[in-house]
Amino acid sequence: MLTALRARRRPLLGIAGAVIVLAALAGCSTSVSHPVDDYKGEPKGVVPPASSAGGAAYAVWLKSGAQFAIVLYGSSTCPPTVATVETIASNQLKATPAPIADGVCTRDYAPHTTVFTTPRSVTTTSDVTIKLPDSTLTLPGIRG
């Protein structure tokens, strides 16, 4: 009788163990977001930070933190854009630039905005860093 009870418990322990492992892996996983909008110029109604003078990239919250924008500077005919943003932690994102189109590009230096929906796992109340291949941007926490 005792052997029969142990045999019945083993599948339950195996299932419980698998659920725990999957939950742990889900907590470590990252999510990838794709742009919801992309356009020439800077975000409408946003005052660029002083640090963007001279064409430095920057990031800003939009729609009270429901979205954020990454503004990159480059050719207006072959604009730099962001292909994806990966959530690394609640206050850390990794942005992957899209490949620049082949062809003839103008030598001007214009802003281009890529907009993303803020992932649910990202906090908006403290600073969030966005790591690009050649720089790190900061989204300042939304206060109040």
Protein backbone atom coordinates (compact mmCIF):
# COMPACT_ATOMS: atom_id res chain seq x y z
CA MET A 1 0.00 0.00 0.00
CA LEU A 2 2.82 2.40 0.89
CA THR A 3 4.50 1.65 -2.45
CA ALA A 4 1.29 2.48 -4.32
CA LEU A 5 1.06 5.88 -2.57
CA ARG A 6 4.68 6.69 -3.42
CA ALA A 7 4.10 5.75 -7.05
CA ARG A 8 1.10 8.10 -7.23
CA ARG A 9 3.07 11.00 -5.70
CA ARG A 10 6.00 10.80 -8.11
CA PRO A 11 4.10 12.16 -11.14
CA LEU A 12 2.72 15.00 -9.00
CA LEU A 13 6.20 15.87 -7.73
CA GLY A 14 7.50 15.79 -11.29
CA ILE A 15 4.76 18.13 -12.48
CA ALA A 16 5.30 20.47 -9.53
CA GLY A 17 9.05 20.51 -10.23
CA ALA A 18 8.48 21.32 -13.89
CA VAL A 19 6.15 24.20 -12.97
CA ILE A 20 8.78 25.64 -10.60
CA VAL A 21 11.51 25.42 -13.26
CA LEU A 22 9.29 27.08 -15.89
CA ALA A 23 8.36 29.87 -13.48
CA ALA A 24 12.02 30.49 -12.69
CA LEU A 25 12.92 30.59 -16.37
CA ALA A 26 10.05 32.97 -17.11
CA GLY A 27 11.35 35.35 -14.45
CA CYS A 28 14.74 35.42 -16.19
CA SER A 29 13.44 35.77 -19.71
CA THR A 30 13.54 38.98 -21.66
CA SER A 31 10.93 40.44 -23.93
CA VAL A 32 11.47 42.11 -27.28
CA SER A 33 9.38 45.07 -28.42
CA HIS A 34 8.93 46.41 -31.94
CA PRO A 35 8.20 50.04 -32.91
CA VAL A 36 4.62 51.29 -32.92
CA ASP A 37 5.54 54.47 -34.81
CA ASP A 38 8.47 55.90 -36.72
CA TYR A 39 8.77 59.37 -38.23
CA LYS A 40 11.07 62.18 -39.31
CA GLY A 41 11.77 64.87 -36.74
CA GLU A 42 11.48 65.01 -33.00
CA PRO A 43 8.47 63.91 -30.94
CA LYS A 44 5.65 66.41 -31.13
CA GLY A 45 5.13 68.52 -28.02
CA VAL A 46 8.42 67.44 -26.44
CA VAL A 47 11.20 69.85 -25.58
CA PRO A 48 14.49 68.11 -26.42
CA PRO A 49 16.94 67.88 -23.52
CA ALA A 50 19.90 70.25 -23.53
CA SER A 51 22.16 67.20 -23.95
CA SER A 52 20.76 66.69 -27.48
CA ALA A 53 22.29 69.97 -28.71
CA GLY A 54 24.61 69.14 -31.56
CA GLY A 55 22.71 66.00 -32.49
CA ALA A 56 23.18 63.67 -29.54
CA ALA A 57 20.63 60.85 -29.32
CA TYR A 58 18.04 60.99 -26.54
CA ALA A 59 14.98 59.19 -25.17
CA VAL A 60 11.74 60.61 -23.73
CA TRP A 61 8.55 59.28 -22.21
CA LEU A 62 5.34 59.83 -24.17
CA LYS A 63 1.68 59.54 -23.13
CA SER A 64 2.50 59.72 -19.39
CA GLY A 65 4.86 56.75 -19.65
CA ALA A 66 2.65 54.47 -21.75
CA GLN A 67 5.15 54.92 -24.58
CA PHE A 68 8.70 56.11 -25.01
CA ALA A 69 10.60 57.51 -27.98
CA ILE A 70 14.22 57.15 -29.04
CA VAL A 71 15.51 60.03 -31.15
CA LEU A 72 18.57 59.39 -33.30
CA TYR A 73 20.31 61.82 -35.64
CA GLY A 74 21.61 61.06 -39.12
CA SER A 75 20.87 61.40 -42.81
CA SER A 76 17.31 62.52 -43.56
CA THR A 77 17.14 60.25 -46.63
CA CYS A 78 18.63 57.20 -44.83
CA PRO A 79 17.49 57.85 -41.25
CA PRO A 80 18.81 55.85 -38.33
CA THR A 81 16.00 53.93 -36.63
CA VAL A 82 15.64 51.38 -33.87
CA ALA A 83 14.50 47.90 -34.95
CA THR A 84 13.80 46.41 -31.51
CA VAL A 85 14.08 47.08 -27.81
CA GLU A 86 14.77 44.21 -25.42
CA THR A 87 13.77 44.39 -21.76
CA ILE A 88 16.78 43.37 -19.65
CA ALA A 89 15.43 44.48 -16.24
CA SER A 90 12.69 46.75 -14.90
CA ASN A 91 15.04 49.72 -15.34
CA GLN A 92 17.22 48.57 -18.23
CA LEU A 93 16.54 48.21 -21.97
CA LYS A 94 18.77 47.24 -24.90
CA ALA A 95 18.03 48.92 -28.25
CA THR A 96 19.06 47.36 -31.55
CA PRO A 97 19.40 49.80 -34.44
CA ALA A 98 17.91 48.84 -37.80
CA PRO A 99 20.34 48.44 -40.68
CA ILE A 100 20.85 51.62 -42.70
CA ALA A 101 19.51 51.33 -46.23
CA ASP A 102 22.00 50.93 -49.05
CA GLY A 103 22.14 53.70 -51.57
CA VAL A 104 22.85 57.36 -51.75
CA CYS A 105 22.24 59.21 -48.48
CA THR A 106 22.29 62.94 -47.93
CA ARG A 107 24.99 64.34 -45.68
CA ASP A 108 22.60 66.38 -43.56
CA TYR A 109 22.09 65.66 -39.89
CA ALA A 110 18.42 65.40 -38.95
CA PRO A 111 16.49 63.85 -36.04
CA HIS A 112 14.37 60.73 -36.51
CA THR A 113 12.00 59.33 -33.87
CA THR A 114 11.14 55.69 -33.18
CA VAL A 115 8.28 55.07 -30.70
CA PHE A 116 7.71 51.97 -28.55
CA THR A 117 4.97 50.91 -26.15
CA THR A 118 6.44 50.72 -22.66
CA PRO A 119 6.63 47.04 -21.61
CA ARG A 120 4.59 46.22 -18.51
CA SER A 121 7.69 45.00 -16.69
CA VAL A 122 9.45 48.37 -17.07
CA THR A 123 9.13 50.90 -14.27
CA THR A 124 8.37 54.50 -15.16
CA THR A 125 8.85 55.94 -11.68
CA SER A 126 12.64 55.58 -11.63
CA ASP A 127 15.32 56.19 -14.24
CA VAL A 128 15.50 53.64 -17.07
CA THR A 129 18.67 53.18 -19.11
CA ILE A 130 18.61 52.27 -22.78
CA LYS A 131 21.82 50.71 -24.05
CA LEU A 132 22.64 51.37 -27.71
CA PRO A 133 25.78 49.95 -29.38
CA ASP A 134 27.64 53.27 -29.08
CA SER A 135 25.90 55.07 -26.20
CA THR A 136 23.58 54.80 -23.23
CA LEU A 137 20.43 56.92 -22.97
CA THR A 138 18.43 57.64 -19.81
CA LEU A 139 14.68 57.97 -19.48
CA PRO A 140 14.27 60.00 -16.27
CA GLY A 141 11.74 58.58 -13.84
CA ILE A 142 8.29 60.14 -13.97
CA ARG A 143 7.66 61.90 -10.66
CA GLY A 144 4.33 62.36 -8.97
